[in-house]
C-alpha cells in the first residue's frame, strides 16, 4: 500500500495531467471555434451595439 503522502502526490500528478490535456484540447479545438463565432457574431451583432448603447 502507498502511504497517504504518496497517494496525495499521485492524485496531484494525475490532476495535473488531466488539467493539462483538457486545456490543450480547448486551446487547439474549441477556442478557434469560439473565437471565430465571437468575431463574426458576438462582436458585430451583440457586443458592439451593447457598448454603443450603454455609453
N, C-alpha and C. Protein backbone atom coordinates (compact mmCIF):
# COMPACT_ATOMS: atom_id res chain seq x y z
N UNK A 1 0.84 -1.20 0.00
CA UNK A 1 0.00 0.00 0.00
C UNK A 1 0.88 1.26 0.00
N UNK A 2 0.43 2.28 -0.69
CA UNK A 2 1.13 3.56 -0.67
C UNK A 2 0.74 4.33 0.58
N UNK A 3 1.65 5.14 1.05
CA UNK A 3 1.34 5.99 2.19
C UNK A 3 0.38 7.10 1.75
N UNK A 4 -0.20 7.79 2.72
CA UNK A 4 -1.14 8.88 2.39
C UNK A 4 -0.43 9.98 1.60
N UNK A 5 0.80 10.28 1.98
CA UNK A 5 1.55 11.32 1.27
C UNK A 5 1.80 10.91 -0.18
N UNK A 6 2.14 9.64 -0.37
CA UNK A 6 2.39 9.17 -1.74
C UNK A 6 1.11 9.19 -2.57
N UNK A 7 0.00 8.82 -1.94
CA UNK A 7 -1.28 8.86 -2.65
C UNK A 7 -1.63 10.29 -3.05
N UNK A 8 -1.38 11.24 -2.15
CA UNK A 8 -1.67 12.65 -2.44
C UNK A 8 -0.83 13.12 -3.62
N UNK A 9 0.43 12.71 -3.65
CA UNK A 9 1.28 13.11 -4.77
C UNK A 9 0.77 12.52 -6.08
N UNK A 10 0.38 11.25 -6.02
CA UNK A 10 -0.14 10.60 -7.24
C UNK A 10 -1.40 11.31 -7.73
N UNK A 11 -2.28 11.65 -6.80
CA UNK A 11 -3.52 12.34 -7.18
C UNK A 11 -3.23 13.70 -7.79
N UNK A 12 -2.27 14.43 -7.20
CA UNK A 12 -1.92 15.74 -7.75
C UNK A 12 -1.34 15.61 -9.15
N UNK A 13 -0.50 14.58 -9.34
CA UNK A 13 0.09 14.37 -10.66
C UNK A 13 -0.99 14.02 -11.68
N UNK A 14 -1.92 13.17 -11.29
CA UNK A 14 -3.00 12.79 -12.20
C UNK A 14 -3.87 13.99 -12.54
N UNK A 15 -4.19 14.80 -11.53
CA UNK A 15 -4.97 16.02 -11.78
C UNK A 15 -4.24 16.95 -12.74
N UNK A 16 -2.94 17.09 -12.53
CA UNK A 16 -2.16 17.98 -13.40
C UNK A 16 -2.17 17.47 -14.83
N UNK A 17 -2.06 16.17 -15.00
CA UNK A 17 -2.07 15.61 -16.36
C UNK A 17 -3.44 15.82 -17.00
N UNK A 18 -4.50 15.58 -16.24
CA UNK A 18 -5.85 15.73 -16.81
C UNK A 18 -6.14 17.19 -17.14
N UNK A 19 -5.77 18.10 -16.24
CA UNK A 19 -6.00 19.52 -16.49
C UNK A 19 -5.21 19.98 -17.71
N UNK A 20 -3.94 19.54 -17.80
CA UNK A 20 -3.11 19.94 -18.93
C UNK A 20 -3.68 19.47 -20.24
N UNK A 21 -4.10 18.20 -20.30
CA UNK A 21 -4.59 17.66 -21.56
C UNK A 21 -5.90 18.33 -21.96
N UNK A 22 -6.76 18.61 -20.98
CA UNK A 22 -8.03 19.25 -21.32
C UNK A 22 -7.81 20.68 -21.78
N UNK A 23 -6.84 21.38 -21.18
CA UNK A 23 -6.56 22.74 -21.62
C UNK A 23 -6.04 22.76 -23.05
N UNK A 24 -5.17 21.80 -23.36
CA UNK A 24 -4.64 21.76 -24.73
C UNK A 24 -5.76 21.50 -25.73
N UNK A 25 -6.68 20.61 -25.37
CA UNK A 25 -7.79 20.34 -26.27
C UNK A 25 -8.63 21.59 -26.50
N UNK A 26 -8.89 22.32 -25.43
CA UNK A 26 -9.71 23.52 -25.55
C UNK A 26 -9.00 24.56 -26.42
N UNK A 27 -7.69 24.73 -26.18
CA UNK A 27 -6.96 25.76 -26.92
C UNK A 27 -6.91 25.42 -28.39
N UNK A 28 -6.67 24.13 -28.71
CA UNK A 28 -6.49 23.76 -30.10
C UNK A 28 -7.82 23.73 -30.85
N UNK A 29 -8.86 23.18 -30.21
CA UNK A 29 -10.09 22.93 -30.93
C UNK A 29 -11.17 23.96 -30.67
N UNK A 30 -11.65 23.98 -29.43
CA UNK A 30 -12.82 24.79 -29.12
C UNK A 30 -12.53 26.28 -29.20
N UNK A 31 -11.33 26.68 -28.79
CA UNK A 31 -11.02 28.10 -28.76
C UNK A 31 -11.11 28.72 -30.14
N UNK A 32 -10.64 28.00 -31.16
CA UNK A 32 -10.71 28.54 -32.52
C UNK A 32 -12.16 28.73 -32.94
N UNK A 33 -12.99 27.74 -32.62
CA UNK A 33 -14.40 27.86 -32.98
C UNK A 33 -15.05 29.00 -32.22
N UNK A 34 -14.73 29.12 -30.93
CA UNK A 34 -15.34 30.18 -30.12
C UNK A 34 -14.88 31.54 -30.64
N UNK A 35 -13.60 31.68 -30.93
CA UNK A 35 -13.10 32.96 -31.41
C UNK A 35 -13.72 33.34 -32.74
N UNK A 36 -13.85 32.35 -33.63
CA UNK A 36 -14.43 32.64 -34.93
C UNK A 36 -15.88 33.08 -34.80
N UNK A 37 -16.64 32.39 -33.94
CA UNK A 37 -18.05 32.75 -33.79
C UNK A 37 -18.17 34.10 -33.10
N UNK A 38 -17.28 34.37 -32.14
CA UNK A 38 -17.34 35.67 -31.46
C UNK A 38 -17.01 36.80 -32.43
N UNK A 39 -16.01 36.56 -33.28
CA UNK A 39 -15.63 37.62 -34.21
C UNK A 39 -16.76 37.92 -35.18
N UNK A 40 -17.45 36.87 -35.65
CA UNK A 40 -18.45 37.07 -36.68
C UNK A 40 -19.79 37.50 -36.09
N UNK A 41 -20.15 36.92 -34.94
CA UNK A 41 -21.50 37.15 -34.43
C UNK A 41 -21.50 38.11 -33.24
N UNK A 42 -20.76 37.73 -32.18
CA UNK A 42 -20.91 38.45 -30.91
C UNK A 42 -20.43 39.89 -31.04
N UNK A 43 -19.24 40.10 -31.58
CA UNK A 43 -18.71 41.47 -31.65
C UNK A 43 -19.51 42.32 -32.63
N UNK A 44 -19.82 41.75 -33.77
CA UNK A 44 -20.55 42.52 -34.77
C UNK A 44 -22.01 42.68 -34.42
N UNK A 45 -22.62 41.63 -33.88
CA UNK A 45 -24.06 41.65 -33.69
C UNK A 45 -24.50 42.03 -32.30
N UNK A 46 -23.69 41.67 -31.28
CA UNK A 46 -24.18 41.88 -29.92
C UNK A 46 -23.29 42.83 -29.13
N UNK A 47 -21.98 42.52 -29.04
CA UNK A 47 -21.13 43.26 -28.13
C UNK A 47 -21.01 44.73 -28.55
N UNK A 48 -20.80 44.96 -29.81
CA UNK A 48 -20.55 46.34 -30.24
C UNK A 48 -21.77 47.23 -30.02
N UNK A 49 -22.96 46.83 -30.47
CA UNK A 49 -24.15 47.66 -30.21
C UNK A 49 -24.39 47.87 -28.71
N UNK A 50 -24.14 46.81 -27.90
CA UNK A 50 -24.34 46.97 -26.46
C UNK A 50 -23.43 48.06 -25.91
N UNK A 51 -22.17 48.05 -26.36
CA UNK A 51 -21.24 49.07 -25.87
C UNK A 51 -21.69 50.46 -26.33
N UNK A 52 -22.14 50.56 -27.56
CA UNK A 52 -22.57 51.85 -28.06
C UNK A 52 -23.81 52.34 -27.31
N UNK A 53 -24.70 51.41 -27.00
CA UNK A 53 -25.94 51.80 -26.31
C UNK A 53 -25.63 52.22 -24.88
N UNK A 54 -24.77 51.44 -24.20
CA UNK A 54 -24.53 51.72 -22.79
C UNK A 54 -23.71 52.99 -22.63
N UNK A 55 -22.84 53.29 -23.59
CA UNK A 55 -22.04 54.50 -23.48
C UNK A 55 -22.77 55.60 -24.21
